[in-house]
mmCIF file of all heavy atoms, coordinates in Angstrom:
data_MODEL
# 
_entry.id   MODEL 
# 
loop_
_atom_site.group_PDB 
_atom_site.id 
_atom_site.type_symbol 
_atom_site.label_atom_id 
_atom_site.label_alt_id 
_atom_site.label_comp_id 
_atom_site.label_asym_id 
_atom_site.label_entity_id 
_atom_site.label_seq_id 
_atom_site.pdbx_PDB_ins_code 
_atom_site.Cartn_x 
_atom_site.Cartn_y 
_atom_site.Cartn_z 
_atom_site.occupancy 
_atom_site.B_iso_or_equiv 
_atom_site.pdbx_formal_charge 
_atom_site.auth_seq_id 
_atom_site.auth_comp_id 
_atom_site.auth_asym_id 
_atom_site.auth_atom_id 
_atom_site.pdbx_PDB_model_num 
ATOM 1   N N   . LYS A 1 1  ? -64.758 17.909 -100.628 1.00 0.00 ? 1  LYS A N   1 
ATOM 2   C CA  . LYS A 1 1  ? -64.391 17.239 -99.397  1.00 0.00 ? 1  LYS A CA  1 
ATOM 3   C C   . LYS A 1 1  ? -63.877 18.270 -98.425  1.00 0.00 ? 1  LYS A C   1 
ATOM 4   O O   . LYS A 1 1  ? -63.488 19.361 -98.780  1.00 0.00 ? 1  LYS A O   1 
ATOM 5   C CB  . LYS A 1 1  ? -63.334 16.175 -99.645  1.00 0.00 ? 1  LYS A CB  1 
ATOM 6   C CG  . LYS A 1 1  ? -62.023 16.720 -100.128 1.00 0.00 ? 1  LYS A CG  1 
ATOM 7   C CD  . LYS A 1 1  ? -60.994 15.548 -100.249 1.00 0.00 ? 1  LYS A CD  1 
ATOM 8   C CE  . LYS A 1 1  ? -59.612 16.078 -100.654 1.00 0.00 ? 1  LYS A CE  1 
ATOM 9   N NZ  . LYS A 1 1  ? -58.621 14.992 -100.721 1.00 0.00 ? 1  LYS A NZ  1 
ATOM 10  N N   . HIS A 1 2  ? -63.874 17.892 -97.132  1.00 0.00 ? 2  HIS A N   1 
ATOM 11  C CA  . HIS A 1 2  ? -63.397 18.764 -96.098  1.00 0.00 ? 2  HIS A CA  1 
ATOM 12  C C   . HIS A 1 2  ? -61.871 18.916 -96.267  1.00 0.00 ? 2  HIS A C   1 
ATOM 13  O O   . HIS A 1 2  ? -61.160 17.926 -96.497  1.00 0.00 ? 2  HIS A O   1 
ATOM 14  C CB  . HIS A 1 2  ? -63.727 18.240 -94.684  1.00 0.00 ? 2  HIS A CB  1 
ATOM 15  C CG  . HIS A 1 2  ? -65.156 18.272 -94.373  1.00 0.00 ? 2  HIS A CG  1 
ATOM 16  N ND1 . HIS A 1 2  ? -65.917 19.406 -94.253  1.00 0.00 ? 2  HIS A ND1 1 
ATOM 17  C CD2 . HIS A 1 2  ? -66.041 17.241 -94.144  1.00 0.00 ? 2  HIS A CD2 1 
ATOM 18  C CE1 . HIS A 1 2  ? -67.161 19.133 -93.919  1.00 0.00 ? 2  HIS A CE1 1 
ATOM 19  N NE2 . HIS A 1 2  ? -67.267 17.823 -93.885  1.00 0.00 ? 2  HIS A NE2 1 
ATOM 20  N N   . PRO A 1 3  ? -61.309 20.141 -96.053  1.00 0.00 ? 3  PRO A N   1 
ATOM 21  C CA  . PRO A 1 3  ? -59.855 20.267 -96.033  1.00 0.00 ? 3  PRO A CA  1 
ATOM 22  C C   . PRO A 1 3  ? -59.228 19.374 -94.999  1.00 0.00 ? 3  PRO A C   1 
ATOM 23  O O   . PRO A 1 3  ? -59.794 19.140 -93.945  1.00 0.00 ? 3  PRO A O   1 
ATOM 24  C CB  . PRO A 1 3  ? -59.658 21.732 -95.715  1.00 0.00 ? 3  PRO A CB  1 
ATOM 25  C CG  . PRO A 1 3  ? -60.957 22.417 -96.089  1.00 0.00 ? 3  PRO A CG  1 
ATOM 26  C CD  . PRO A 1 3  ? -62.023 21.390 -95.837  1.00 0.00 ? 3  PRO A CD  1 
ATOM 27  N N   . ASP A 1 4  ? -58.043 18.865 -95.314  1.00 0.00 ? 4  ASP A N   1 
ATOM 28  C CA  . ASP A 1 4  ? -57.379 17.955 -94.372  1.00 0.00 ? 4  ASP A CA  1 
ATOM 29  C C   . ASP A 1 4  ? -57.165 18.551 -92.976  1.00 0.00 ? 4  ASP A C   1 
ATOM 30  O O   . ASP A 1 4  ? -57.261 17.859 -91.977  1.00 0.00 ? 4  ASP A O   1 
ATOM 31  C CB  . ASP A 1 4  ? -56.012 17.549 -94.933  1.00 0.00 ? 4  ASP A CB  1 
ATOM 32  C CG  . ASP A 1 4  ? -56.123 16.682 -96.181  1.00 0.00 ? 4  ASP A CG  1 
ATOM 33  O OD1 . ASP A 1 4  ? -57.219 16.116 -96.410  1.00 0.00 ? 4  ASP A OD1 1 
ATOM 34  O OD2 . ASP A 1 4  ? -55.127 16.576 -96.922  1.00 0.00 ? 4  ASP A OD2 1 
ATOM 35  N N   . GLY A 1 5  ? -56.948 19.878 -92.914  1.00 0.00 ? 5  GLY A N   1 
ATOM 36  C CA  . GLY A 1 5  ? -56.645 20.520 -91.639  1.00 0.00 ? 5  GLY A CA  1 
ATOM 37  C C   . GLY A 1 5  ? -57.774 20.545 -90.680  1.00 0.00 ? 5  GLY A C   1 
ATOM 38  O O   . GLY A 1 5  ? -57.520 20.735 -89.459  1.00 0.00 ? 5  GLY A O   1 
ATOM 39  N N   . ILE A 1 6  ? -59.012 20.363 -91.125  1.00 0.00 ? 6  ILE A N   1 
ATOM 40  C CA  . ILE A 1 6  ? -60.145 20.425 -90.188  1.00 0.00 ? 6  ILE A CA  1 
ATOM 41  C C   . ILE A 1 6  ? -60.613 19.010 -89.778  1.00 0.00 ? 6  ILE A C   1 
ATOM 42  O O   . ILE A 1 6  ? -61.497 18.873 -88.937  1.00 0.00 ? 6  ILE A O   1 
ATOM 43  C CB  . ILE A 1 6  ? -61.313 21.248 -90.731  1.00 0.00 ? 6  ILE A CB  1 
ATOM 44  C CG1 . ILE A 1 6  ? -62.005 20.523 -91.878  1.00 0.00 ? 6  ILE A CG1 1 
ATOM 45  C CG2 . ILE A 1 6  ? -60.819 22.628 -91.130  1.00 0.00 ? 6  ILE A CG2 1 
ATOM 46  C CD1 . ILE A 1 6  ? -63.348 21.112 -92.250  1.00 0.00 ? 6  ILE A CD1 1 
ATOM 47  N N   . LEU A 1 7  ? -60.061 17.965 -90.383  1.00 0.00 ? 7  LEU A N   1 
ATOM 48  C CA  . LEU A 1 7  ? -60.486 16.648 -90.017  1.00 0.00 ? 7  LEU A CA  1 
ATOM 49  C C   . LEU A 1 7  ? -60.156 16.319 -88.579  1.00 0.00 ? 7  LEU A C   1 
ATOM 50  O O   . LEU A 1 7  ? -59.093 16.699 -88.098  1.00 0.00 ? 7  LEU A O   1 
ATOM 51  C CB  . LEU A 1 7  ? -59.825 15.603 -90.957  1.00 0.00 ? 7  LEU A CB  1 
ATOM 52  C CG  . LEU A 1 7  ? -60.178 15.711 -92.441  1.00 0.00 ? 7  LEU A CG  1 
ATOM 53  C CD1 . LEU A 1 7  ? -59.395 14.662 -93.236  1.00 0.00 ? 7  LEU A CD1 1 
ATOM 54  C CD2 . LEU A 1 7  ? -61.664 15.519 -92.656  1.00 0.00 ? 7  LEU A CD2 1 
ATOM 55  N N   . PRO A 1 8  ? -61.035 15.628 -87.873  1.00 0.00 ? 8  PRO A N   1 
ATOM 56  C CA  . PRO A 1 8  ? -60.735 15.289 -86.472  1.00 0.00 ? 8  PRO A CA  1 
ATOM 57  C C   . PRO A 1 8  ? -59.696 14.187 -86.332  1.00 0.00 ? 8  PRO A C   1 
ATOM 58  O O   . PRO A 1 8  ? -59.463 13.426 -87.264  1.00 0.00 ? 8  PRO A O   1 
ATOM 59  C CB  . PRO A 1 8  ? -62.110 14.844 -85.938  1.00 0.00 ? 8  PRO A CB  1 
ATOM 60  C CG  . PRO A 1 8  ? -62.824 14.298 -87.123  1.00 0.00 ? 8  PRO A CG  1 
ATOM 61  C CD  . PRO A 1 8  ? -62.339 15.160 -88.328  1.00 0.00 ? 8  PRO A CD  1 
ATOM 62  N N   . VAL A 1 9  ? -59.100 14.127 -85.163  1.00 0.00 ? 9  VAL A N   1 
ATOM 63  C CA  . VAL A 1 9  ? -58.204 13.019 -84.832  1.00 0.00 ? 9  VAL A CA  1 
ATOM 64  C C   . VAL A 1 9  ? -58.991 12.028 -83.955  1.00 0.00 ? 9  VAL A C   1 
ATOM 65  O O   . VAL A 1 9  ? -59.688 12.402 -83.025  1.00 0.00 ? 9  VAL A O   1 
ATOM 66  C CB  . VAL A 1 9  ? -56.962 13.548 -84.058  1.00 0.00 ? 9  VAL A CB  1 
ATOM 67  C CG1 . VAL A 1 9  ? -56.183 12.390 -83.437  1.00 0.00 ? 9  VAL A CG1 1 
ATOM 68  C CG2 . VAL A 1 9  ? -56.099 14.376 -84.949  1.00 0.00 ? 9  VAL A CG2 1 
ATOM 69  N N   . ARG A 1 10 ? -58.856 10.769 -84.281  1.00 0.00 ? 10 ARG A N   1 
ATOM 70  C CA  . ARG A 1 10 ? -59.488 9.703  -83.497  1.00 0.00 ? 10 ARG A CA  1 
ATOM 71  C C   . ARG A 1 10 ? -58.478 9.099  -82.576  1.00 0.00 ? 10 ARG A C   1 
ATOM 72  O O   . ARG A 1 10 ? -57.421 8.593  -82.941  1.00 0.00 ? 10 ARG A O   1 
ATOM 73  C CB  . ARG A 1 10 ? -60.034 8.615  -84.408  1.00 0.00 ? 10 ARG A CB  1 
ATOM 74  C CG  . ARG A 1 10 ? -60.486 7.335  -83.704  1.00 0.00 ? 10 ARG A CG  1 
ATOM 75  C CD  . ARG A 1 10 ? -60.888 6.287  -84.722  1.00 0.00 ? 10 ARG A CD  1 
ATOM 76  N NE  . ARG A 1 10 ? -61.114 4.987  -84.087  1.00 0.00 ? 10 ARG A NE  1 
ATOM 77  C CZ  . ARG A 1 10 ? -60.142 4.048  -83.913  1.00 0.00 ? 10 ARG A CZ  1 
ATOM 78  N NH1 . ARG A 1 10 ? -58.916 4.305  -84.324  1.00 0.00 ? 10 ARG A NH1 1 
ATOM 79  N NH2 . ARG A 1 10 ? -60.408 2.877  -83.360  1.00 0.00 ? 10 ARG A NH2 1 
ATOM 80  N N   . VAL A 1 11 ? -58.760 9.259  -81.269  1.00 0.00 ? 11 VAL A N   1 
ATOM 81  C CA  . VAL A 1 11 ? -57.914 8.638  -80.203  1.00 0.00 ? 11 VAL A CA  1 
ATOM 82  C C   . VAL A 1 11 ? -58.665 7.418  -79.743  1.00 0.00 ? 11 VAL A C   1 
ATOM 83  O O   . VAL A 1 11 ? -59.702 7.466  -79.135  1.00 0.00 ? 11 VAL A O   1 
ATOM 84  C CB  . VAL A 1 11 ? -57.722 9.611  -79.033  1.00 0.00 ? 11 VAL A CB  1 
ATOM 85  C CG1 . VAL A 1 11 ? -56.764 9.002  -78.016  1.00 0.00 ? 11 VAL A CG1 1 
ATOM 86  C CG2 . VAL A 1 11 ? -57.184 10.982 -79.554  1.00 0.00 ? 11 VAL A CG2 1 
ATOM 87  N N   . ALA A 1 12 ? -58.111 6.270  -80.085  1.00 0.00 ? 12 ALA A N   1 
ATOM 88  C CA  . ALA A 1 12 ? -58.835 4.985  -79.849  1.00 0.00 ? 12 ALA A CA  1 
ATOM 89  C C   . ALA A 1 12 ? -58.919 4.670  -78.349  1.00 0.00 ? 12 ALA A C   1 
ATOM 90  O O   . ALA A 1 12 ? -58.119 5.168  -77.543  1.00 0.00 ? 12 ALA A O   1 
ATOM 91  C CB  . ALA A 1 12 ? -58.114 3.860  -80.564  1.00 0.00 ? 12 ALA A CB  1 
ATOM 92  N N   . LYS A 1 13 ? -59.891 3.895  -78.005  1.00 0.00 ? 13 LYS A N   1 
ATOM 93  C CA  . LYS A 1 13 ? -60.068 3.419  -76.644  1.00 0.00 ? 13 LYS A CA  1 
ATOM 94  C C   . LYS A 1 13 ? -58.768 2.849  -76.097  1.00 0.00 ? 13 LYS A C   1 
ATOM 95  O O   . LYS A 1 13 ? -58.122 2.008  -76.713  1.00 0.00 ? 13 LYS A O   1 
ATOM 96  C CB  . LYS A 1 13 ? -61.147 2.344  -76.607  1.00 0.00 ? 13 LYS A CB  1 
ATOM 97  C CG  . LYS A 1 13 ? -61.363 1.741  -75.220  1.00 0.00 ? 13 LYS A CG  1 
ATOM 98  C CD  . LYS A 1 13 ? -62.440 0.659  -75.266  1.00 0.00 ? 13 LYS A CD  1 
ATOM 99  C CE  . LYS A 1 13 ? -62.631 0.002  -73.908  1.00 0.00 ? 13 LYS A CE  1 
ATOM 100 N NZ  . LYS A 1 13 ? -63.655 -1.075 -73.929  1.00 0.00 ? 13 LYS A NZ  1 
ATOM 101 N N   . GLY A 1 14 ? -58.352 3.353  -74.928  1.00 0.00 ? 14 GLY A N   1 
ATOM 102 C CA  . GLY A 1 14 ? -57.155 2.872  -74.287  1.00 0.00 ? 14 GLY A CA  1 
ATOM 103 C C   . GLY A 1 14 ? -55.840 3.370  -74.896  1.00 0.00 ? 14 GLY A C   1 
ATOM 104 O O   . GLY A 1 14 ? -54.777 2.878  -74.480  1.00 0.00 ? 14 GLY A O   1 
ATOM 105 N N   . ALA A 1 15 ? -55.890 4.285  -75.857  1.00 0.00 ? 15 ALA A N   1 
ATOM 106 C CA  . ALA A 1 15 ? -54.670 4.728  -76.540  1.00 0.00 ? 15 ALA A CA  1 
ATOM 107 C C   . ALA A 1 15 ? -53.675 5.384  -75.573  1.00 0.00 ? 15 ALA A C   1 
ATOM 108 O O   . ALA A 1 15 ? -52.462 5.312  -75.769  1.00 0.00 ? 15 ALA A O   1 
ATOM 109 C CB  . ALA A 1 15 ? -55.026 5.676  -77.660  1.00 0.00 ? 15 ALA A CB  1 
ATOM 110 N N   . LEU A 1 16 ? -54.206 6.099  -74.563  1.00 0.00 ? 16 LEU A N   1 
ATOM 111 C CA  . LEU A 1 16 ? -53.301 6.784  -73.632  1.00 0.00 ? 16 LEU A CA  1 
ATOM 112 C C   . LEU A 1 16 ? -52.959 5.977  -72.388  1.00 0.00 ? 16 LEU A C   1 
ATOM 113 O O   . LEU A 1 16 ? -52.066 6.340  -71.633  1.00 0.00 ? 16 LEU A O   1 
ATOM 114 C CB  . LEU A 1 16 ? -53.939 8.103  -73.197  1.00 0.00 ? 16 LEU A CB  1 
ATOM 115 C CG  . LEU A 1 16 ? -54.441 9.046  -74.312  1.00 0.00 ? 16 LEU A CG  1 
ATOM 116 C CD1 . LEU A 1 16 ? -55.030 10.291 -73.707  1.00 0.00 ? 16 LEU A CD1 1 
ATOM 117 C CD2 . LEU A 1 16 ? -53.343 9.368  -75.295  1.00 0.00 ? 16 LEU A CD2 1 
ATOM 118 N N   . GLY A 1 17 ? -53.682 4.882  -72.208  1.00 0.00 ? 17 GLY A N   1 
ATOM 119 C CA  . GLY A 1 17 ? -53.510 4.049  -71.009  1.00 0.00 ? 17 GLY A CA  1 
ATOM 120 C C   . GLY A 1 17 ? -54.800 3.372  -70.686  1.00 0.00 ? 17 GLY A C   1 
ATOM 121 O O   . GLY A 1 17 ? -55.789 3.514  -71.390  1.00 0.00 ? 17 GLY A O   1 
ATOM 122 N N   . PRO A 1 18 ? -54.860 2.593  -69.630  1.00 0.00 ? 18 PRO A N   1 
ATOM 123 C CA  . PRO A 1 18 ? -56.092 1.871  -69.284  1.00 0.00 ? 18 PRO A CA  1 
ATOM 124 C C   . PRO A 1 18 ? -57.296 2.807  -69.132  1.00 0.00 ? 18 PRO A C   1 
ATOM 125 O O   . PRO A 1 18 ? -57.259 3.784  -68.358  1.00 0.00 ? 18 PRO A O   1 
ATOM 126 C CB  . PRO A 1 18 ? -55.716 1.253  -67.903  1.00 0.00 ? 18 PRO A CB  1 
ATOM 127 C CG  . PRO A 1 18 ? -54.253 1.131  -67.928  1.00 0.00 ? 18 PRO A CG  1 
ATOM 128 C CD  . PRO A 1 18 ? -53.749 2.300  -68.662  1.00 0.00 ? 18 PRO A CD  1 
ATOM 129 N N   . ASP A 1 19 ? -58.314 2.564  -69.977  1.00 0.00 ? 19 ASP A N   1 
ATOM 130 C CA  . ASP A 1 19 ? -59.560 3.356  -69.964  1.00 0.00 ? 19 ASP A CA  1 
ATOM 131 C C   . ASP A 1 19 ? -59.339 4.859  -70.244  1.00 0.00 ? 19 ASP A C   1 
ATOM 132 O O   . ASP A 1 19 ? -60.145 5.681  -69.832  1.00 0.00 ? 19 ASP A O   1 
ATOM 133 C CB  . ASP A 1 19 ? -60.284 3.189  -68.645  1.00 0.00 ? 19 ASP A CB  1 
ATOM 134 C CG  . ASP A 1 19 ? -60.810 1.775  -68.436  1.00 0.00 ? 19 ASP A CG  1 
ATOM 135 O OD1 . ASP A 1 19 ? -61.216 1.171  -69.458  1.00 0.00 ? 19 ASP A OD1 1 
ATOM 136 O OD2 . ASP A 1 19 ? -60.851 1.262  -67.306  1.00 0.00 ? 19 ASP A OD2 1 
ATOM 137 N N   . ALA A 1 20 ? -58.273 5.162  -70.899  1.00 0.00 ? 20 ALA A N   1 
ATOM 138 C CA  . ALA A 1 20 ? -58.051 6.581  -71.254  1.00 0.00 ? 20 ALA A CA  1 
ATOM 139 C C   . ALA A 1 20 ? -57.729 6.670  -72.779  1.00 0.00 ? 20 ALA A C   1 
ATOM 140 O O   . ALA A 1 20 ? -56.553 6.380  -73.171  1.00 0.00 ? 20 ALA A O   1 
ATOM 141 C CB  . ALA A 1 20 ? -56.869 7.147  -70.432  1.00 0.00 ? 20 ALA A CB  1 
ATOM 142 N N   . PRO A 1 21 ? -58.717 7.000  -73.569  1.00 0.00 ? 21 PRO A N   1 
ATOM 143 C CA  . PRO A 1 21 ? -60.099 7.187  -73.182  1.00 0.00 ? 21 PRO A CA  1 
ATOM 144 C C   . PRO A 1 21 ? -60.799 5.811  -73.044  1.00 0.00 ? 21 PRO A C   1 
ATOM 145 O O   . PRO A 1 21 ? -60.305 4.792  -73.449  1.00 0.00 ? 21 PRO A O   1 
ATOM 146 C CB  . PRO A 1 21 ? -60.683 7.952  -74.380  1.00 0.00 ? 21 PRO A CB  1 
ATOM 147 C CG  . PRO A 1 21 ? -59.856 7.506  -75.543  1.00 0.00 ? 21 PRO A CG  1 
ATOM 148 C CD  . PRO A 1 21 ? -58.456 7.294  -75.008  1.00 0.00 ? 21 PRO A CD  1 
ATOM 149 N N   . HIS A 1 22 ? -62.030 5.854  -72.460  1.00 0.00 ? 22 HIS A N   1 
ATOM 150 C CA  . HIS A 1 22 ? -62.732 4.583  -72.282  1.00 0.00 ? 22 HIS A CA  1 
ATOM 151 C C   . HIS A 1 22 ? -63.587 4.215  -73.509  1.00 0.00 ? 22 HIS A C   1 
ATOM 152 O O   . HIS A 1 22 ? -64.174 3.155  -73.550  1.00 0.00 ? 22 HIS A O   1 
ATOM 153 C CB  . HIS A 1 22 ? -63.602 4.626  -71.032  1.00 0.00 ? 22 HIS A CB  1 
ATOM 154 C CG  . HIS A 1 22 ? -64.537 5.763  -70.956  1.00 0.00 ? 22 HIS A CG  1 
ATOM 155 N ND1 . HIS A 1 22 ? -65.520 6.022  -71.889  1.00 0.00 ? 22 HIS A ND1 1 
ATOM 156 C CD2 . HIS A 1 22 ? -64.663 6.744  -70.045  1.00 0.00 ? 22 HIS A CD2 1 
ATOM 157 C CE1 . HIS A 1 22 ? -66.224 7.102  -71.530  1.00 0.00 ? 22 HIS A CE1 1 
ATOM 158 N NE2 . HIS A 1 22 ? -65.684 7.566  -70.420  1.00 0.00 ? 22 HIS A NE2 1 
ATOM 159 N N   . CYS A 1 23 ? -63.622 5.080  -74.508  1.00 0.00 ? 23 CYS A N   1 
ATOM 160 C CA  . CYS A 1 23 ? -64.155 4.801  -75.818  1.00 0.00 ? 23 CYS A CA  1 
ATOM 161 C C   . CYS A 1 23 ? -63.499 5.740  -76.801  1.00 0.00 ? 23 CYS A C   1 
ATOM 162 O O   . CYS A 1 23 ? -62.787 6.684  -76.398  1.00 0.00 ? 23 CYS A O   1 
ATOM 163 C CB  . CYS A 1 23 ? -65.663 4.868  -75.870  1.00 0.00 ? 23 CYS A CB  1 
ATOM 164 S SG  . CYS A 1 23 ? -66.328 6.544  -75.647  1.00 0.00 ? 23 CYS A SG  1 
ATOM 165 N N   . ASP A 1 24 ? -63.671 5.546  -78.063  1.00 0.00 ? 24 ASP A N   1 
ATOM 166 C CA  . ASP A 1 24 ? -62.957 6.382  -79.030  1.00 0.00 ? 24 ASP A CA  1 
ATOM 167 C C   . ASP A 1 24 ? -63.315 7.864  -78.828  1.00 0.00 ? 24 ASP A C   1 
ATOM 168 O O   . ASP A 1 24 ? -64.472 8.230  -78.622  1.00 0.00 ? 24 ASP A O   1 
ATOM 169 C CB  . ASP A 1 24 ? -63.364 6.017  -80.448  1.00 0.00 ? 24 ASP A CB  1 
ATOM 170 C CG  . ASP A 1 24 ? -62.777 4.664  -80.881  1.00 0.00 ? 24 ASP A CG  1 
ATOM 171 O OD1 . ASP A 1 24 ? -62.025 4.048  -80.091  1.00 0.00 ? 24 ASP A OD1 1 
ATOM 172 O OD2 . ASP A 1 24 ? -63.079 4.194  -81.999  1.00 0.00 ? 24 ASP A OD2 1 
ATOM 173 N N   . LEU A 1 25 ? -62.289 8.718  -78.835  1.00 0.00 ? 25 LEU A N   1 
ATOM 174 C CA  . LEU A 1 25 ? -62.445 10.151 -78.658  1.00 0.00 ? 25 LEU A CA  1 
ATOM 175 C C   . LEU A 1 25 ? -62.054 10.864 -79.922  1.00 0.00 ? 25 LEU A C   1 
ATOM 176 O O   . LEU A 1 25 ? -61.047 10.540 -80.541  1.00 0.00 ? 25 LEU A O   1 
ATOM 177 C CB  . LEU A 1 25 ? -61.487 10.572 -77.494  1.00 0.00 ? 25 LEU A CB  1 
ATOM 178 C CG  . LEU A 1 25 ? -61.249 12.086 -77.289  1.00 0.00 ? 25 LEU A CG  1 
ATOM 179 C CD1 . LEU A 1 25 ? -62.559 12.756 -76.832  1.00 0.00 ? 25 LEU A CD1 1 
ATOM 180 C CD2 . LEU A 1 25 ? -60.153 12.326 -76.259  1.00 0.00 ? 25 LEU A CD2 1 
ATOM 181 N N   . PHE A 1 26 ? -62.882 11.869 -80.316  1.00 0.00 ? 26 PHE A N   1 
ATOM 182 C CA  . PHE A 1 26 ? -62.631 12.591 -81.541  1.00 0.00 ? 26 PHE A CA  1 
ATOM 183 C C   . PHE A 1 26 ? -62.468 14.077 -81.192  1.00 0.00 ? 26 PHE A C   1 
ATOM 184 O O   . PHE A 1 26 ? -63.341 14.707 -80.627  1.00 0.00 ? 26 PHE A O   1 
ATOM 185 C CB  . PHE A 1 26 ? -63.831 12.456 -82.509  1.00 0.00 ? 26 PHE A CB  1 
ATOM 186 C CG  . PHE A 1 26 ? -63.994 11.016 -83.000  1.00 0.00 ? 26 PHE A CG  1 
ATOM 187 C CD1 . PHE A 1 26 ? -64.771 10.120 -82.277  1.00 0.00 ? 26 PHE A CD1 1 
ATOM 188 C CD2 . PHE A 1 26 ? -63.368 10.606 -84.145  1.00 0.00 ? 26 PHE A CD2 1 
ATOM 189 C CE1 . PHE A 1 26 ? -64.960 8.818  -82.693  1.00 0.00 ? 26 PHE A CE1 1 
ATOM 190 C CE2 . PHE A 1 26 ? -63.503 9.282  -84.579  1.00 0.00 ? 26 PHE A CE2 1 
ATOM 191 C CZ  . PHE A 1 26 ? -64.318 8.370  -83.855  1.00 0.00 ? 26 PHE A CZ  1 
ATOM 192 N N   . ILE A 1 27 ? -61.310 14.601 -81.499  1.00 0.00 ? 27 ILE A N   1 
ATOM 193 C CA  . ILE A 1 27 ? -60.939 16.017 -81.213  1.00 0.00 ? 27 ILE A CA  1 
ATOM 194 C C   . ILE A 1 27 ? -60.254 16.628 -82.409  1.00 0.00 ? 27 ILE A C   1 
ATOM 195 O O   . ILE A 1 27 ? -59.852 15.934 -83.371  1.00 0.00 ? 27 ILE A O   1 
ATOM 196 C CB  . ILE A 1 27 ? -60.019 16.052 -80.005  1.00 0.00 ? 27 ILE A CB  1 
ATOM 197 C CG1 . ILE A 1 27 ? -58.826 15.130 -80.171  1.00 0.00 ? 27 ILE A CG1 1 
ATOM 198 C CG2 . ILE A 1 27 ? -60.755 15.724 -78.722  1.00 0.00 ? 27 ILE A CG2 1 
ATOM 199 C CD1 . ILE A 1 27 ? -57.820 15.150 -79.046  1.00 0.00 ? 27 ILE A CD1 1 
ATOM 200 N N   . SER A 1 28 ? -60.146 17.934 -82.420  1.00 0.00 ? 28 SER A N   1 
ATOM 201 C CA  . SER A 1 28 ? -59.489 18.602 -83.517  1.00 0.00 ? 28 SER A CA  1 
ATOM 202 C C   . SER A 1 28 ? -57.950 18.418 -83.399  1.00 0.00 ? 28 SER A C   1 
ATOM 203 O O   . SER A 1 28 ? -57.443 18.038 -82.349  1.00 0.00 ? 28 SER A O   1 
ATOM 204 C CB  . SER A 1 28 ? -59.806 20.112 -83.497  1.00 0.00 ? 28 SER A CB  1 
ATOM 205 O OG  . SER A 1 28 ? -59.267 20.729 -82.325  1.00 0.00 ? 28 SER A OG  1 
# 
């Protein structure tokens, strides 16, 4: 399996505020 440290973070739609992000965002 991939090491835990390289797994991406999922920022769900609207997690930061209205339409931010406007769909799920995946980043390191």
